[in-house]
Amino acid sequence: MTIAVLVAAGMADLVPVWSGSFRAAAAGTGRHDGDGENRPRMIRWDIAIDCRTWRFNGGISFQDFGRGDSFIANGTIFPGDTLAPGSQNNDPSEPGGIGDWVERGTTAATLSEIAGGVRPAFFATWFHLLADGSAIVADGAHPESGPMAIVGGRGAFNGAAGELSDEIIGTNRTGCPNLRVTIRLKKPATS
């Protein structure tokens, strides 16, 4: 089974601080809503996943992976609403990116089970590594399993908490998805 088949089967995701410092880190990288310290902040980014970087552990193929096999893939983060929807010819390595995206994950079912609708298909950690050294880390079940949890960050996003939702908006020239992610950051709980 190819990456294109995974995308068509609805498994494209498998294919592979709350002050001025927050606003500085988010400036130009997406939308941030709310003007009070206790209001959630929203960031929107586009991500072009690069199928040339997709690897399963031990070099196994898409046809051979099973429950418990791990994978890794890379991509490029762009400002929100940069990538057009649908099948596109954009290259994830083209200029204009604001950071790197890395996904590492573990499959939760076989390919045939996932194609048959088993969800979640995998559990993953997404690293959003911005060019300024800041980062946001999300973790959770995927796809179609609800939002992923924001489990931390560094730099301007140190102590980040919240949720990440994503939408597949199309594909790029490598055959992998272009995503639009919306991150809703919440003020950390006080003790």
C-alpha atoms as a PDB file:
ATOM      1  CA  MET A   1       0.000   0.000   0.000  1.00  0.00           C
ATOM      2  CA  THR A   2       1.354   3.430  -0.876  1.00  0.00           C
ATOM      3  CA  ILE A   3       1.226   6.760   0.905  1.00  0.00           C
ATOM      4  CA  ALA A   4      -1.397   7.923  -1.610  1.00  0.00           C
ATOM      5  CA  VAL A   5      -3.639   5.000  -0.599  1.00  0.00           C
ATOM      6  CA  LEU A   6      -3.248   5.940   3.079  1.00  0.00           C
ATOM      7  CA  VAL A   7      -4.306   9.512   2.265  1.00  0.00           C
ATOM      8  CA  ALA A   8      -7.302   8.280   0.269  1.00  0.00           C
ATOM      9  CA  ALA A   9      -8.300   5.911   3.084  1.00  0.00           C
ATOM     10  CA  GLY A  10      -8.484   8.844   5.494  1.00  0.00           C
ATOM     11  CA  MET A  11      -5.209   7.948   7.187  1.00  0.00           C
ATOM     12  CA  ALA A  12      -3.139  10.838   5.882  1.00  0.00           C
ATOM     13  CA  ASP A  13      -1.953  11.704   9.380  1.00  0.00           C
ATOM     14  CA  LEU A  14      -0.295   8.297   9.521  1.00  0.00           C
ATOM     15  CA  VAL A  15       1.740   9.042   6.410  1.00  0.00           C
ATOM     16  CA  PRO A  16       3.668   9.655   7.221  1.00  0.00           C
ATOM     17  CA  VAL A  17       4.316  32.369  28.774  1.00  0.00           C
ATOM     18  CA  TRP A  18       1.435  34.265  28.696  1.00  0.00           C
ATOM     19  CA  SER A  19       2.949  37.728  28.617  1.00  0.00           C
ATOM     20  CA  GLY A  20       4.740  39.867  26.039  1.00  0.00           C
ATOM     21  CA  SER A  21       7.125  36.996  25.343  1.00  0.00           C
ATOM     22  CA  PHE A  22       4.176  34.895  24.162  1.00  0.00           C
ATOM     23  CA  ARG A  23       3.039  37.607  21.776  1.00  0.00           C
ATOM     24  CA  ALA A  24       6.589  38.015  20.439  1.00  0.00           C
ATOM     25  CA  ALA A  25       6.892  34.285  19.766  1.00  0.00           C
ATOM     26  CA  ALA A  26       3.479  34.151  18.091  1.00  0.00           C
ATOM     27  CA  ALA A  27       3.947  37.344  16.060  1.00  0.00           C
ATOM     28  CA  GLY A  28       3.787  36.547  12.391  1.00  0.00           C
ATOM     29  CA  THR A  29       3.286  32.855  13.084  1.00  0.00           C
ATOM     30  CA  GLY A  30      -0.469  32.726  13.298  1.00  0.00           C
ATOM     31  CA  ARG A  31      -3.483  34.144  15.053  1.00  0.00           C
ATOM     32  CA  HIS A  32      -3.642  34.673  18.786  1.00  0.00           C
ATOM     33  CA  ASP A  33      -6.961  35.583  20.377  1.00  0.00           C
ATOM     34  CA  GLY A  34      -7.790  36.928  23.796  1.00  0.00           C
ATOM     35  CA  ASP A  35      -6.409  39.960  25.499  1.00  0.00           C
ATOM     36  CA  GLY A  36      -6.553  38.835  29.130  1.00  0.00           C
ATOM     37  CA  GLU A  37      -4.136  36.659  31.022  1.00  0.00           C
ATOM     38  CA  ASN A  38      -6.844  34.055  31.705  1.00  0.00           C
ATOM     39  CA  ARG A  39      -8.140  33.755  28.145  1.00  0.00           C
ATOM     40  CA  PRO A  40      -6.953  30.982  25.842  1.00  0.00           C
ATOM     41  CA  ARG A  41      -4.482  32.043  23.159  1.00  0.00           C
ATOM     42  CA  MET A  42      -4.865  30.669  19.652  1.00  0.00           C
ATOM     43  CA  ILE A  43      -2.102  30.042  17.139  1.00  0.00           C
ATOM     44  CA  ARG A  44      -2.660  28.723  13.623  1.00  0.00           C
ATOM     45  CA  TRP A  45       0.112  27.184  11.536  1.00  0.00           C
ATOM     46  CA  ASP A  46       0.264  25.251   8.286  1.00  0.00           C
ATOM     47  CA  ILE A  47       2.510  22.184   8.104  1.00  0.00           C
ATOM     48  CA  ALA A  48       3.823  20.516   4.953  1.00  0.00           C
ATOM     49  CA  ILE A  49       4.810  16.926   5.821  1.00  0.00           C
ATOM     50  CA  ASP A  50       7.745  15.644   3.759  1.00  0.00           C
ATOM     51  CA  CYS A  51       7.222  12.013   2.639  1.00  0.00           C
ATOM     52  CA  ARG A  52      10.918  11.827   1.699  1.00  0.00           C
ATOM     53  CA  THR A  53      11.663  11.716   5.448  1.00  0.00           C
ATOM     54  CA  TRP A  54       9.046   9.081   6.428  1.00  0.00           C
ATOM     55  CA  ARG A  55      10.590   5.971   8.018  1.00  0.00           C
ATOM     56  CA  PHE A  56       9.271   2.981   9.956  1.00  0.00           C
ATOM     57  CA  ASN A  57      11.529   1.232  12.461  1.00  0.00           C
ATOM     58  CA  GLY A  58      13.804  -1.351  10.882  1.00  0.00           C
ATOM     59  CA  GLY A  59      13.027  -0.024   7.408  1.00  0.00           C
ATOM     60  CA  ILE A  60       9.760  -1.969   7.154  1.00  0.00           C
ATOM     61  CA  SER A  61       7.318  -0.987   4.423  1.00  0.00           C
ATOM     62  CA  PHE A  62       3.816   0.453   4.647  1.00  0.00           C
ATOM     63  CA  GLN A  63       2.483  -2.983   3.730  1.00  0.00           C
ATOM     64  CA  ASP A  64       4.331  -4.665   6.600  1.00  0.00           C
ATOM     65  CA  PHE A  65       3.798  -2.410   9.603  1.00  0.00           C
ATOM     66  CA  GLY A  66       1.711  -3.661  12.484  1.00  0.00           C
ATOM     67  CA  ARG A  67       0.560  -2.721  15.936  1.00  0.00           C
ATOM     68  CA  GLY A  68       3.471  -1.392  17.965  1.00  0.00           C
ATOM     69  CA  ASP A  69       5.711  -0.405  15.046  1.00  0.00           C
ATOM     70  CA  SER A  70       7.209   3.059  15.320  1.00  0.00           C
ATOM     71  CA  PHE A  71       7.748   5.743  12.713  1.00  0.00           C
ATOM     72  CA  ILE A  72       9.183   9.232  12.263  1.00  0.00           C
ATOM     73  CA  ALA A  73       8.578  11.995   9.731  1.00  0.00           C
ATOM     74  CA  ASN A  74       9.598  15.624   9.290  1.00  0.00           C
ATOM     75  CA  GLY A  75       7.941  18.676   7.808  1.00  0.00           C
ATOM     76  CA  THR A  76       8.052  22.452   7.657  1.00  0.00           C
ATOM     77  CA  ILE A  77       5.904  24.887   9.640  1.00  0.00           C
ATOM     78  CA  PHE A  78       4.505  27.872   7.718  1.00  0.00           C
ATOM     79  CA  PRO A  79       2.422  30.811   8.970  1.00  0.00           C
ATOM     80  CA  GLY A  80      -1.279  29.946   9.139  1.00  0.00           C
ATOM     81  CA  ASP A  81      -3.268  30.121   5.904  1.00  0.00           C
ATOM     82  CA  THR A  82      -0.096  30.016   3.758  1.00  0.00           C
ATOM     83  CA  LEU A  83      -0.757  26.671   2.055  1.00  0.00           C
ATOM     84  CA  ALA A  84      -3.635  26.348  -0.398  1.00  0.00           C
ATOM     85  CA  PRO A  85      -6.189  23.544  -0.009  1.00  0.00           C
ATOM     86  CA  GLY A  86      -6.368  20.547  -2.342  1.00  0.00           C
ATOM     87  CA  SER A  87      -3.658  18.729  -4.257  1.00  0.00           C
ATOM     88  CA  GLN A  88      -0.743  21.168  -4.522  1.00  0.00           C
ATOM     89  CA  ASN A  89       2.762  21.226  -5.977  1.00  0.00           C
ATOM     90  CA  ASN A  90       4.397  22.871  -2.950  1.00  0.00           C
ATOM     91  CA  ASP A  91       7.633  21.372  -1.669  1.00  0.00           C
ATOM     92  CA  PRO A  92       7.964  21.181   2.136  1.00  0.00           C
ATOM     93  CA  SER A  93      11.545  22.480   1.841  1.00  0.00           C
ATOM     94  CA  GLU A  94      10.616  25.654  -0.051  1.00  0.00           C
ATOM     95  CA  PRO A  95      11.389  29.075   1.498  1.00  0.00           C
ATOM     96  CA  GLY A  96       8.945  30.777   3.852  1.00  0.00           C
ATOM     97  CA  GLY A  97       8.967  28.269   6.689  1.00  0.00           C
ATOM     98  CA  ILE A  98       9.081  29.504  10.275  1.00  0.00           C
ATOM     99  CA  GLY A  99      10.243  26.250  11.816  1.00  0.00           C
ATOM    100  CA  ASP A 100      10.536  22.491  11.668  1.00  0.00           C
ATOM    101  CA  TRP A 101       7.949  19.863  12.547  1.00  0.00           C
ATOM    102  CA  VAL A 102       8.863  16.354  13.690  1.00  0.00           C
ATOM    103  CA  GLU A 103       6.393  13.541  14.339  1.00  0.00           C
ATOM    104  CA  ARG A 104       7.324  10.319  16.063  1.00  0.00           C
ATOM    105  CA  GLY A 105       4.677   7.731  16.685  1.00  0.00           C
ATOM    106  CA  THR A 106       3.611   4.169  17.325  1.00  0.00           C
ATOM    107  CA  THR A 107       0.956   2.389  15.302  1.00  0.00           C
ATOM    108  CA  ALA A 108      -2.073   1.058  17.208  1.00  0.00           C
ATOM    109  CA  ALA A 109      -3.319  -1.362  14.551  1.00  0.00           C
ATOM    110  CA  THR A 110      -2.340  -3.114  11.340  1.00  0.00           C
ATOM    111  CA  LEU A 111      -2.725  -1.411   7.981  1.00  0.00           C
ATOM    112  CA  SER A 112      -5.788  -3.485   7.085  1.00  0.00           C
ATOM    113  CA  GLU A 113      -7.408  -2.698  10.457  1.00  0.00           C
ATOM    114  CA  ILE A 114      -6.751   1.023   9.991  1.00  0.00           C
ATOM    115  CA  ALA A 115      -8.116   0.912   6.421  1.00  0.00           C
ATOM    116  CA  GLY A 116     -11.195  -0.795   7.910  1.00  0.00           C
ATOM    117  CA  GLY A 117     -11.782   2.127  10.250  1.00  0.00           C
ATOM    118  CA  VAL A 118      -9.985   1.192  13.486  1.00  0.00           C
ATOM    119  CA  ARG A 119      -9.262   4.362  15.465  1.00  0.00           C
ATOM    120  CA  PRO A 120      -7.001   5.536  16.829  1.00  0.00           C
ATOM    121  CA  ALA A 121      -4.611   4.455  14.091  1.00  0.00           C
ATOM    122  CA  PHE A 122      -1.566   5.573  16.063  1.00  0.00           C
ATOM    123  CA  PHE A 123      -0.294   7.540  19.036  1.00  0.00           C
ATOM    124  CA  ALA A 124       2.157  10.337  18.298  1.00  0.00           C
ATOM    125  CA  THR A 125       4.208  13.186  19.653  1.00  0.00           C
ATOM    126  CA  TRP A 126       4.513  16.277  17.468  1.00  0.00           C
ATOM    127  CA  PHE A 127       7.422  18.690  17.962  1.00  0.00           C
ATOM    128  CA  HIS A 128       6.900  22.227  16.604  1.00  0.00           C
ATOM    129  CA  LEU A 129      10.423  23.700  16.598  1.00  0.00           C
ATOM    130  CA  LEU A 130      10.362  27.382  15.673  1.00  0.00           C
ATOM    131  CA  ALA A 131      13.286  29.214  14.117  1.00  0.00           C
ATOM    132  CA  ASP A 132      13.596  31.523  17.155  1.00  0.00           C
ATOM    133  CA  GLY A 133      14.335  28.521  19.418  1.00  0.00           C
ATOM    134  CA  SER A 134      10.838  28.308  20.906  1.00  0.00           C
ATOM    135  CA  ALA A 135       8.921  25.043  20.695  1.00  0.00           C
ATOM    136  CA  ILE A 136       5.527  23.489  21.414  1.00  0.00           C
ATOM    137  CA  VAL A 137       5.063  19.741  22.004  1.00  0.00           C
ATOM    138  CA  ALA A 138       1.742  17.951  21.408  1.00  0.00           C
ATOM    139  CA  ASP A 139       0.910  14.328  22.190  1.00  0.00           C
ATOM    140  CA  GLY A 140      -2.072  12.071  21.629  1.00  0.00           C
ATOM    141  CA  ALA A 141      -4.090   9.542  19.691  1.00  0.00           C
ATOM    142  CA  HIS A 142      -4.637  10.150  15.987  1.00  0.00           C
ATOM    143  CA  PRO A 143      -6.502  10.589  13.641  1.00  0.00           C
ATOM    144  CA  GLU A 144     -10.171  11.302  14.308  1.00  0.00           C
ATOM    145  CA  SER A 145      -9.611  10.866  18.045  1.00  0.00           C
ATOM    146  CA  GLY A 146     -10.168  14.410  19.270  1.00  0.00           C
ATOM    147  CA  PRO A 147      -7.583  17.087  19.942  1.00  0.00           C
ATOM    148  CA  MET A 148      -4.014  16.310  20.947  1.00  0.00           C
ATOM    149  CA  ALA A 149      -2.777  17.617  24.316  1.00  0.00           C
ATOM    150  CA  ILE A 150      -0.171  20.378  24.452  1.00  0.00           C
ATOM    151  CA  VAL A 151       2.234  18.835  26.955  1.00  0.00           C
ATOM    152  CA  GLY A 152       4.898  21.532  27.108  1.00  0.00           C
ATOM    153  CA  GLY A 153       7.257  23.763  25.292  1.00  0.00           C
ATOM    154  CA  ARG A 154      10.440  25.775  25.540  1.00  0.00           C
ATOM    155  CA  GLY A 155      11.419  29.395  25.197  1.00  0.00           C
ATOM    156  CA  ALA A 156       8.359  31.625  24.988  1.00  0.00           C
ATOM    157  CA  PHE A 157       6.190  28.505  25.302  1.00  0.00           C
ATOM    158  CA  ASN A 158       7.849  27.117  28.454  1.00  0.00           C
ATOM    159  CA  GLY A 159       5.097  25.553  30.568  1.00  0.00           C
ATOM    160  CA  ALA A 160       2.593  25.565  27.702  1.00  0.00           C
ATOM    161  CA  ALA A 161      -0.674  23.657  28.138  1.00  0.00           C
ATOM    162  CA  GLY A 162      -3.725  23.390  25.945  1.00  0.00           C
ATOM    163  CA  GLU A 163      -4.969  21.517  22.901  1.00  0.00           C
ATOM    164  CA  LEU A 164      -4.043  21.092  19.245  1.00  0.00           C
ATOM    165  CA  SER A 165      -6.575  20.349  16.514  1.00  0.00           C
ATOM    166  CA  ASP A 166      -5.553  19.628  12.944  1.00  0.00           C
ATOM    167  CA  GLU A 167      -7.180  19.429   9.557  1.00  0.00           C
ATOM    168  CA  ILE A 168      -5.783  17.870   6.393  1.00  0.00           C
ATOM    169  CA  ILE A 169      -6.162  20.625   3.805  1.00  0.00           C
ATOM    170  CA  GLY A 170      -4.513  18.780   0.915  1.00  0.00           C
ATOM    171  CA  THR A 171      -1.317  17.141  -0.259  1.00  0.00           C
ATOM    172  CA  ASN A 172       2.073  18.389  -1.423  1.00  0.00           C
ATOM    173  CA  ARG A 173       4.463  17.284  -4.163  1.00  0.00           C
ATOM    174  CA  THR A 174       5.975  14.564  -1.944  1.00  0.00           C
ATOM    175  CA  GLY A 175       2.558  12.869  -1.615  1.00  0.00           C
ATOM    176  CA  CYS A 176       2.179  13.692   2.067  1.00  0.00           C
ATOM    177  CA  PRO A 177      -0.481  15.897   3.636  1.00  0.00           C
ATOM    178  CA  ASN A 178      -0.500  19.621   4.127  1.00  0.00           C
ATOM    179  CA  LEU A 179      -2.060  20.279   7.538  1.00  0.00           C
ATOM    180  CA  ARG A 180      -3.616  23.292   9.196  1.00  0.00           C
ATOM    181  CA  VAL A 181      -3.142  23.161  12.965  1.00  0.00           C
ATOM    182  CA  THR A 182      -4.907  25.272  15.540  1.00  0.00           C
ATOM    183  CA  ILE A 183      -3.285  25.455  18.956  1.00  0.00           C
ATOM    184  CA  ARG A 184      -5.294  26.758  21.896  1.00  0.00           C
ATOM    185  CA  LEU A 185      -2.930  27.594  24.723  1.00  0.00           C
ATOM    186  CA  LYS A 186      -4.300  28.040  28.227  1.00  0.00           C
ATOM    187  CA  LYS A 187      -2.741  29.740  31.197  1.00  0.00           C
ATOM    188  CA  PRO A 188      -0.967  27.154  33.355  1.00  0.00           C
ATOM    189  CA  ALA A 189      -2.826  26.136  36.506  1.00  0.00           C
ATOM    190  CA  THR A 190      -1.647  27.805  39.696  1.00  0.00           C
ATOM    191  CA  SER A 191      -0.887  25.773  42.770  1.00  0.00           C
END
